[in-house]
Amino acid sequence: MVKTDISEEEKKTIIEALNNKTEPSPELMTKLFQGLFYLF
């Protein structure tokens, strides 16, 4: 499993998006799921 390097602010943004049932920004998604990013 790959370790992610996201800041506390980015974590907060992701949690808020999940709580609001919205998608986080694409930039955060590529940081979280780097393996998927390389597939596309």
Foldseek 3Di string as FASTA:
>chain_A
DDDADDDPVLVVQCVVCVVVVHDRDPVSVCRVCVVVVVVD
